[in-house]
Amino acid sequence: MLRADRLILAVAAGARILAGEGLHEAPEHVARPGFDPNACQWARGELAGLVWQGQV
């Protein structure tokens, strides 16, 4: 597993806060397979309404 993958999983689990190098590393890693790192969309389906980092 790549460092960026571990970082993303730790942030998603609430074990880390995305800061420093991770603020650049995680979005760049996600963008490599074609995801837009600047995309802003509302959650749909199973994710809709879930609380994440204190926000719904």
Protein backbone atom coordinates (compact mmCIF):
# COMPACT_ATOMS: atom_id res chain seq x y z
CA MET A 1 0.00 0.00 0.00
CA LEU A 2 1.35 3.42 -0.93
CA ARG A 3 2.01 6.10 1.68
CA ALA A 4 -0.75 8.26 0.19
CA ASP A 5 -3.22 5.36 0.49
CA ARG A 6 -2.35 4.90 4.18
CA LEU A 7 -2.66 8.64 4.74
CA ILE A 8 -6.10 8.79 3.11
CA LEU A 9 -7.33 5.78 5.13
CA ALA A 10 -6.04 7.31 8.39
CA VAL A 11 -7.79 10.62 7.65
CA ALA A 12 -11.02 8.82 6.71
CA ALA A 13 -10.88 6.84 9.98
CA GLY A 14 -10.37 10.02 11.99
CA ALA A 15 -6.92 8.93 13.14
CA ARG A 16 -5.14 11.85 11.44
CA ILE A 17 -5.85 15.35 10.28
CA LEU A 18 -4.84 16.19 6.74
CA ALA A 19 -2.11 18.83 7.04
CA GLY A 20 1.34 19.72 5.74
CA GLU A 21 2.57 17.60 2.83
CA GLY A 22 -0.58 15.51 2.98
CA LEU A 23 -2.62 18.49 1.81
CA HIS A 24 -0.84 18.17 -1.54
CA GLU A 25 -0.02 14.46 -1.58
CA ALA A 26 -3.54 13.08 -1.05
CA PRO A 27 -5.33 15.13 -3.76
CA GLU A 28 -2.51 14.50 -6.26
CA HIS A 29 -2.71 10.77 -5.55
CA VAL A 30 -6.49 10.74 -6.01
CA ALA A 31 -6.17 12.76 -9.24
CA ARG A 32 -3.78 10.28 -10.89
CA PRO A 33 -6.47 7.78 -11.97
CA GLY A 34 -8.61 10.61 -13.33
CA PHE A 35 -10.54 11.95 -10.34
CA ASP A 36 -10.77 15.73 -10.25
CA PRO A 37 -9.06 16.85 -7.00
CA ASN A 38 -10.96 20.15 -7.16
CA ALA A 39 -14.41 18.61 -7.59
CA CYS A 40 -17.06 19.85 -5.21
CA GLN A 41 -20.17 17.69 -5.17
CA TRP A 42 -22.82 16.72 -2.68
CA ALA A 43 -22.70 13.14 -1.44
CA ARG A 44 -25.20 10.79 -3.05
CA GLY A 45 -26.56 7.36 -2.31
CA GLU A 46 -25.14 5.58 0.72
CA LEU A 47 -22.97 8.57 1.71
CA ALA A 48 -25.81 11.11 1.79
CA GLY A 49 -26.52 12.26 5.33
CA LEU A 50 -23.49 10.66 6.99
CA VAL A 51 -21.47 12.76 9.42
CA TRP A 52 -17.80 13.19 8.50
CA GLN A 53 -15.40 15.46 10.37
CA GLY A 54 -18.35 16.97 12.22
CA GLN A 55 -20.24 17.89 9.05
CA VAL A 56 -23.18 16.28 7.30
